[in-house]
């Protein structure tokens, strides 16, 4: 039952309503549950609640660990931003990805010349500079984004995101985002006053004046 789901309301809907309507027979061997014998499943709703409590407790412990790491200045993101990579000898440390860092420097230089994010994206596309997703794939780094049909298809949003990152000055910034609940996958953004910044934790790609 715990593998089917940890939201007791949704699990109950599936096992007691949807599966029955669709003629699906549900069997949970470890819990001794078989939807054919509904009379044997009286304890199932309580089992679902216990499973949800367990998921909630686990989430609370993970949040506490992440909060402790974040307050100690450790990087909380799984992967460094474009322009950096993990040090092969110390996964907690970021080192400069020279090839990507040159593109980041070019983006900031174009911004100083007066170009906006959309214009910069068009320039990089015309110069056939590989997008971050394609670059990550080439260096063997996992990425959650699907590769674009055009490997040079930069967007204004990507450029704006790069220009807004304090990490390029060599700073670690934690708690920029949060999840409202362990049940929600939606990422919410904290205001800047709730960020926690640690300065000069890694090599800077862009100087403070820029």
C-alpha atoms as a PDB file:
ATOM      1  CA  UNK A   1       0.000   0.000   0.000  1.00  0.00           C
ATOM      2  CA  UNK A   2       2.827   2.401   0.783  1.00  0.00           C
ATOM      3  CA  UNK A   3       4.186   1.925  -2.759  1.00  0.00           C
ATOM      4  CA  UNK A   4       0.819   2.728  -4.327  1.00  0.00           C
ATOM      5  CA  UNK A   5       0.894   6.179  -2.718  1.00  0.00           C
ATOM      6  CA  UNK A   6       1.294   8.200   0.459  1.00  0.00           C
ATOM      7  CA  UNK A   7      -1.683  10.559   0.061  1.00  0.00           C
ATOM      8  CA  UNK A   8      -4.399   8.659   1.917  1.00  0.00           C
ATOM      9  CA  UNK A   9      -7.241  10.541   0.179  1.00  0.00           C
ATOM     10  CA  UNK A  10      -6.011   9.695  -3.328  1.00  0.00           C
ATOM     11  CA  UNK A  11      -5.114   6.113  -2.426  1.00  0.00           C
ATOM     12  CA  UNK A  12      -8.558   5.622  -0.904  1.00  0.00           C
ATOM     13  CA  UNK A  13     -10.205   7.026  -4.032  1.00  0.00           C
ATOM     14  CA  UNK A  14      -8.262   4.633  -6.261  1.00  0.00           C
ATOM     15  CA  UNK A  15      -8.776   1.487  -4.187  1.00  0.00           C
ATOM     16  CA  UNK A  16     -12.394   2.075  -3.176  1.00  0.00           C
ATOM     17  CA  UNK A  17     -13.847   3.958  -6.160  1.00  0.00           C
ATOM     18  CA  UNK A  18     -11.819   4.068  -9.378  1.00  0.00           C
ATOM     19  CA  UNK A  19     -10.453   0.498  -9.350  1.00  0.00           C
ATOM     20  CA  UNK A  20     -13.944  -0.829  -8.596  1.00  0.00           C
ATOM     21  CA  UNK A  21     -15.494   1.206 -11.434  1.00  0.00           C
ATOM     22  CA  UNK A  22     -12.825   0.094 -13.919  1.00  0.00           C
ATOM     23  CA  UNK A  23     -12.933  -3.568 -12.895  1.00  0.00           C
ATOM     24  CA  UNK A  24      -9.347  -3.510 -11.646  1.00  0.00           C
ATOM     25  CA  UNK A  25      -8.396  -6.067  -9.010  1.00  0.00           C
ATOM     26  CA  UNK A  26      -5.907  -4.635  -6.554  1.00  0.00           C
ATOM     27  CA  UNK A  27      -3.756  -6.941  -4.430  1.00  0.00           C
ATOM     28  CA  UNK A  28      -1.249  -5.837  -1.786  1.00  0.00           C
ATOM     29  CA  UNK A  29       0.393  -9.055  -0.650  1.00  0.00           C
ATOM     30  CA  UNK A  30       2.317  -7.715   2.369  1.00  0.00           C
ATOM     31  CA  UNK A  31      -0.800  -6.032   3.732  1.00  0.00           C
ATOM     32  CA  UNK A  32      -3.131  -8.960   3.010  1.00  0.00           C
ATOM     33  CA  UNK A  33      -5.402  -6.807   0.844  1.00  0.00           C
ATOM     34  CA  UNK A  34      -7.415  -8.088  -2.113  1.00  0.00           C
ATOM     35  CA  UNK A  35     -10.100  -5.823  -3.581  1.00  0.00           C
ATOM     36  CA  UNK A  36     -12.217  -8.881  -4.401  1.00  0.00           C
ATOM     37  CA  UNK A  37     -12.753  -9.368  -0.646  1.00  0.00           C
ATOM     38  CA  UNK A  38     -13.927  -5.898   0.378  1.00  0.00           C
ATOM     39  CA  UNK A  39     -14.916  -7.135   3.859  1.00  0.00           C
ATOM     40  CA  UNK A  40     -11.252  -7.939   4.590  1.00  0.00           C
ATOM     41  CA  UNK A  41     -10.224  -4.355   3.821  1.00  0.00           C
ATOM     42  CA  UNK A  42     -11.865  -2.500   6.715  1.00  0.00           C
ATOM     43  CA  UNK A  43      -8.473  -1.520   8.161  1.00  0.00           C
ATOM     44  CA  UNK A  44      -7.136  -0.231   4.814  1.00  0.00           C
ATOM     45  CA  UNK A  45      -8.059   3.484   5.345  1.00  0.00           C
ATOM     46  CA  UNK A  46      -6.113   3.482   8.644  1.00  0.00           C
ATOM     47  CA  UNK A  47      -3.167   1.831   6.892  1.00  0.00           C
ATOM     48  CA  UNK A  48      -3.201   4.632   4.299  1.00  0.00           C
ATOM     49  CA  UNK A  49      -3.154   7.292   7.033  1.00  0.00           C
ATOM     50  CA  UNK A  50      -0.201   5.560   8.747  1.00  0.00           C
ATOM     51  CA  UNK A  51       1.686   5.484   5.429  1.00  0.00           C
ATOM     52  CA  UNK A  52       1.049   9.214   4.988  1.00  0.00           C
ATOM     53  CA  UNK A  53       2.286   9.952   8.511  1.00  0.00           C
ATOM     54  CA  UNK A  54       5.481   8.066   7.696  1.00  0.00           C
ATOM     55  CA  UNK A  55       6.006  10.068   4.473  1.00  0.00           C
ATOM     56  CA  UNK A  56       5.342  13.313   6.346  1.00  0.00           C
ATOM     57  CA  UNK A  57       7.806  12.413   9.104  1.00  0.00           C
ATOM     58  CA  UNK A  58      10.489  11.479   6.542  1.00  0.00           C
ATOM     59  CA  UNK A  59       9.920  14.773   4.722  1.00  0.00           C
ATOM     60  CA  UNK A  60      10.283  16.698   7.998  1.00  0.00           C
ATOM     61  CA  UNK A  61      13.625  14.992   8.726  1.00  0.00           C
ATOM     62  CA  UNK A  62      14.953  15.678   5.217  1.00  0.00           C
ATOM     63  CA  UNK A  63      13.915  19.344   5.492  1.00  0.00           C
ATOM     64  CA  UNK A  64      15.774  19.609   8.813  1.00  0.00           C
ATOM     65  CA  UNK A  65      18.944  18.154   7.245  1.00  0.00           C
ATOM     66  CA  UNK A  66      18.704  20.492   4.236  1.00  0.00           C
ATOM     67  CA  UNK A  67      18.103  23.497   6.504  1.00  0.00           C
ATOM     68  CA  UNK A  68      21.184  22.592   8.543  1.00  0.00           C
ATOM     69  CA  UNK A  69      23.304  22.194   5.390  1.00  0.00           C
ATOM     70  CA  UNK A  70      21.997  25.451   3.940  1.00  0.00           C
ATOM     71  CA  UNK A  71      22.735  27.406   7.102  1.00  0.00           C
ATOM     72  CA  UNK A  72      26.268  25.947   7.139  1.00  0.00           C
ATOM     73  CA  UNK A  73      26.913  27.317   3.643  1.00  0.00           C
ATOM     74  CA  UNK A  74      26.812  24.031   1.699  1.00  0.00           C
ATOM     75  CA  UNK A  75      25.397  24.057  -1.828  1.00  0.00           C
ATOM     76  CA  UNK A  76      21.809  22.785  -1.729  1.00  0.00           C
ATOM     77  CA  UNK A  77      21.244  22.443  -5.481  1.00  0.00           C
ATOM     78  CA  UNK A  78      21.942  19.055  -7.030  1.00  0.00           C
ATOM     79  CA  UNK A  79      23.841  20.511  -9.980  1.00  0.00           C
ATOM     80  CA  UNK A  80      25.892  23.733 -10.236  1.00  0.00           C
ATOM     81  CA  UNK A  81      24.628  26.485 -12.557  1.00  0.00           C
ATOM     82  CA  UNK A  82      25.834  26.759 -16.144  1.00  0.00           C
ATOM     83  CA  UNK A  83      29.445  27.916 -16.014  1.00  0.00           C
ATOM     84  CA  UNK A  84      30.430  25.638 -13.135  1.00  0.00           C
ATOM     85  CA  UNK A  85      30.895  21.920 -12.539  1.00  0.00           C
ATOM     86  CA  UNK A  86      31.506  19.731  -9.501  1.00  0.00           C
ATOM     87  CA  UNK A  87      35.119  19.179  -8.513  1.00  0.00           C
ATOM     88  CA  UNK A  88      35.907  15.514  -9.343  1.00  0.00           C
ATOM     89  CA  UNK A  89      37.913  15.264  -6.101  1.00  0.00           C
ATOM     90  CA  UNK A  90      35.297  16.964  -3.908  1.00  0.00           C
ATOM     91  CA  UNK A  91      31.654  16.792  -5.015  1.00  0.00           C
ATOM     92  CA  UNK A  92      30.688  19.561  -2.569  1.00  0.00           C
ATOM     93  CA  UNK A  93      33.025  22.040  -4.273  1.00  0.00           C
ATOM     94  CA  UNK A  94      32.335  23.934  -7.495  1.00  0.00           C
ATOM     95  CA  UNK A  95      35.032  24.597 -10.093  1.00  0.00           C
ATOM     96  CA  UNK A  96      34.802  26.705 -13.238  1.00  0.00           C
ATOM     97  CA  UNK A  97      33.660  24.997 -16.439  1.00  0.00           C
ATOM     98  CA  UNK A  98      35.918  27.013 -18.733  1.00  0.00           C
ATOM     99  CA  UNK A  99      33.957  26.492 -21.961  1.00  0.00           C
ATOM    100  CA  UNK A 100      30.610  27.471 -20.427  1.00  0.00           C
ATOM    101  CA  UNK A 101      32.170  30.263 -18.362  1.00  0.00           C
ATOM    102  CA  UNK A 102      33.349  31.980 -21.551  1.00  0.00           C
ATOM    103  CA  UNK A 103      29.743  32.040 -22.775  1.00  0.00           C
ATOM    104  CA  UNK A 104      28.587  33.483 -19.438  1.00  0.00           C
ATOM    105  CA  UNK A 105      31.231  36.236 -19.700  1.00  0.00           C
ATOM    106  CA  UNK A 106      30.071  36.983 -23.251  1.00  0.00           C
ATOM    107  CA  UNK A 107      26.454  37.266 -22.049  1.00  0.00           C
ATOM    108  CA  UNK A 108      27.415  39.800 -19.360  1.00  0.00           C
ATOM    109  CA  UNK A 109      29.579  41.723 -21.842  1.00  0.00           C
ATOM    110  CA  UNK A 110      26.685  41.986 -24.303  1.00  0.00           C
ATOM    111  CA  UNK A 111      24.422  43.147 -21.478  1.00  0.00           C
ATOM    112  CA  UNK A 112      26.900  45.926 -20.615  1.00  0.00           C
ATOM    113  CA  UNK A 113      26.835  46.960 -24.278  1.00  0.00           C
ATOM    114  CA  UNK A 114      23.100  47.572 -23.915  1.00  0.00           C
ATOM    115  CA  UNK A 115      21.598  44.383 -25.340  1.00  0.00           C
ATOM    116  CA  UNK A 116      18.538  42.890 -23.625  1.00  0.00           C
ATOM    117  CA  UNK A 117      18.017  39.165 -22.892  1.00  0.00           C
ATOM    118  CA  UNK A 118      16.036  38.490 -26.082  1.00  0.00           C
ATOM    119  CA  UNK A 119      18.640  40.261 -28.220  1.00  0.00           C
ATOM    120  CA  UNK A 120      21.483  38.368 -26.528  1.00  0.00           C
ATOM    121  CA  UNK A 121      19.655  35.082 -27.108  1.00  0.00           C
ATOM    122  CA  UNK A 122      19.328  35.928 -30.806  1.00  0.00           C
ATOM    123  CA  UNK A 123      23.049  36.794 -31.070  1.00  0.00           C
ATOM    124  CA  UNK A 124      24.105  33.480 -29.449  1.00  0.00           C
ATOM    125  CA  UNK A 125      21.714  31.590 -31.713  1.00  0.00           C
ATOM    126  CA  UNK A 126      23.182  33.295 -34.804  1.00  0.00           C
ATOM    127  CA  UNK A 127      26.723  32.509 -33.577  1.00  0.00           C
ATOM    128  CA  UNK A 128      25.616  28.864 -33.066  1.00  0.00           C
ATOM    129  CA  UNK A 129      26.577  28.695 -29.402  1.00  0.00           C
ATOM    130  CA  UNK A 130      25.301  25.478 -27.826  1.00  0.00           C
ATOM    131  CA  UNK A 131      22.518  25.856 -25.263  1.00  0.00           C
ATOM    132  CA  UNK A 132      23.221  24.833 -21.640  1.00  0.00           C
ATOM    133  CA  UNK A 133      21.183  21.608 -21.967  1.00  0.00           C
ATOM    134  CA  UNK A 134      23.193  20.428 -24.974  1.00  0.00           C
ATOM    135  CA  UNK A 135      26.457  21.456 -23.306  1.00  0.00           C
ATOM    136  CA  UNK A 136      25.564  19.447 -20.178  1.00  0.00           C
ATOM    137  CA  UNK A 137      24.778  16.405 -22.316  1.00  0.00           C
ATOM    138  CA  UNK A 138      28.121  16.687 -24.103  1.00  0.00           C
ATOM    139  CA  UNK A 139      30.102  16.712 -20.854  1.00  0.00           C
ATOM    140  CA  UNK A 140      28.098  13.802 -19.453  1.00  0.00           C
ATOM    141  CA  UNK A 141      26.057  15.737 -16.921  1.00  0.00           C
ATOM    142  CA  UNK A 142      22.448  14.764 -16.297  1.00  0.00           C
ATOM    143  CA  UNK A 143      19.791  17.351 -17.060  1.00  0.00           C
ATOM    144  CA  UNK A 144      16.069  17.429 -16.333  1.00  0.00           C
ATOM    145  CA  UNK A 145      15.320  19.430 -19.492  1.00  0.00           C
ATOM    146  CA  UNK A 146      14.591  17.719 -22.784  1.00  0.00           C
ATOM    147  CA  UNK A 147      17.123  18.648 -25.489  1.00  0.00           C
ATOM    148  CA  UNK A 148      15.723  21.312 -27.871  1.00  0.00           C
ATOM    149  CA  UNK A 149      15.247  20.482 -31.532  1.00  0.00           C
ATOM    150  CA  UNK A 150      17.679  23.307 -32.337  1.00  0.00           C
ATOM    151  CA  UNK A 151      20.855  22.921 -30.198  1.00  0.00           C
ATOM    152  CA  UNK A 152      21.471  26.695 -30.543  1.00  0.00           C
ATOM    153  CA  UNK A 153      17.950  27.796 -29.575  1.00  0.00           C
ATOM    154  CA  UNK A 154      18.715  30.187 -26.703  1.00  0.00           C
ATOM    155  CA  UNK A 155      15.768  31.964 -25.073  1.00  0.00           C
ATOM    156  CA  UNK A 156      15.475  35.311 -23.325  1.00  0.00           C
ATOM    157  CA  UNK A 157      14.391  33.564 -20.112  1.00  0.00           C
ATOM    158  CA  UNK A 158      17.607  31.519 -20.018  1.00  0.00           C
ATOM    159  CA  UNK A 159      19.702  34.659 -20.525  1.00  0.00           C
ATOM    160  CA  UNK A 160      17.776  36.567 -17.833  1.00  0.00           C
ATOM    161  CA  UNK A 161      18.256  33.699 -15.394  1.00  0.00           C
ATOM    162  CA  UNK A 162      22.022  33.756 -15.979  1.00  0.00           C
ATOM    163  CA  UNK A 163      22.218  37.545 -15.558  1.00  0.00           C
ATOM    164  CA  UNK A 164      20.320  37.398 -12.242  1.00  0.00           C
ATOM    165  CA  UNK A 165      22.522  34.769 -10.546  1.00  0.00           C
ATOM    166  CA  UNK A 166      24.770  36.016  -7.700  1.00  0.00           C
ATOM    167  CA  UNK A 167      26.602  32.677  -7.890  1.00  0.00           C
ATOM    168  CA  UNK A 168      28.722  34.007 -10.775  1.00  0.00           C
ATOM    169  CA  UNK A 169      30.380  36.432  -8.336  1.00  0.00           C
ATOM    170  CA  UNK A 170      31.617  33.417  -6.362  1.00  0.00           C
ATOM    171  CA  UNK A 171      28.808  33.414  -3.795  1.00  0.00           C
ATOM    172  CA  UNK A 172      26.658  30.542  -2.527  1.00  0.00           C
ATOM    173  CA  UNK A 173      22.984  31.474  -2.264  1.00  0.00           C
ATOM    174  CA  UNK A 174      20.643  29.132  -0.378  1.00  0.00           C
ATOM    175  CA  UNK A 175      16.895  29.075   0.233  1.00  0.00           C
ATOM    176  CA  UNK A 176      15.998  30.825  -3.033  1.00  0.00           C
ATOM    177  CA  UNK A 177      13.147  28.345  -3.479  1.00  0.00           C
ATOM    178  CA  UNK A 178      10.901  26.177  -1.323  1.00  0.00           C
ATOM    179  CA  UNK A 179       8.090  23.631  -1.549  1.00  0.00           C
ATOM    180  CA  UNK A 180       4.793  24.450   0.181  1.00  0.00           C
ATOM    181  CA  UNK A 181       4.242  20.835   1.166  1.00  0.00           C
ATOM    182  CA  UNK A 182       5.826  17.412   0.819  1.00  0.00           C
ATOM    183  CA  UNK A 183       2.784  16.534  -1.321  1.00  0.00           C
ATOM    184  CA  UNK A 184       3.418  19.338  -3.815  1.00  0.00           C
ATOM    185  CA  UNK A 185       5.992  19.248  -6.622  1.00  0.00           C
ATOM    186  CA  UNK A 186       5.524  22.957  -7.368  1.00  0.00           C
ATOM    187  CA  UNK A 187       8.568  25.138  -6.725  1.00  0.00           C
ATOM    188  CA  UNK A 188       7.877  28.477  -4.998  1.00  0.00           C
ATOM    189  CA  UNK A 189      10.309  31.399  -4.866  1.00  0.00           C
ATOM    190  CA  UNK A 190      11.393  33.156  -1.685  1.00  0.00           C
ATOM    191  CA  UNK A 191      11.854  36.959  -1.653  1.00  0.00           C
ATOM    192  CA  UNK A 192      15.516  38.057  -1.582  1.00  0.00           C
ATOM    193  CA  UNK A 193      15.369  38.981   2.121  1.00  0.00           C
ATOM    194  CA  UNK A 194      14.854  35.284   2.905  1.00  0.00           C
ATOM    195  CA  UNK A 195      17.915  34.170   0.914  1.00  0.00           C
ATOM    196  CA  UNK A 196      21.038  33.171   2.812  1.00  0.00           C
ATOM    197  CA  UNK A 197      24.238  34.257   1.029  1.00  0.00           C
ATOM    198  CA  UNK A 198      27.789  33.103   1.708  1.00  0.00           C
ATOM    199  CA  UNK A 199      30.382  35.172  -0.131  1.00  0.00           C
ATOM    200  CA  UNK A 200      33.521  33.961  -1.919  1.00  0.00           C
ATOM    201  CA  UNK A 201      32.828  30.242  -1.563  1.00  0.00           C
ATOM    202  CA  UNK A 202      34.090  29.398  -5.060  1.00  0.00           C
ATOM    203  CA  UNK A 203      35.945  31.014  -7.944  1.00  0.00           C
ATOM    204  CA  UNK A 204      34.105  33.942  -9.481  1.00  0.00           C
ATOM    205  CA  UNK A 205      33.309  34.002 -13.213  1.00  0.00           C
ATOM    206  CA  UNK A 206      32.084  37.607 -13.193  1.00  0.00           C
ATOM    207  CA  UNK A 207      33.641  40.421 -11.139  1.00  0.00           C
ATOM    208  CA  UNK A 208      31.485  42.468  -8.752  1.00  0.00           C
ATOM    209  CA  UNK A 209      31.717  45.686 -10.832  1.00  0.00           C
ATOM    210  CA  UNK A 210      30.317  43.907 -13.888  1.00  0.00           C
END
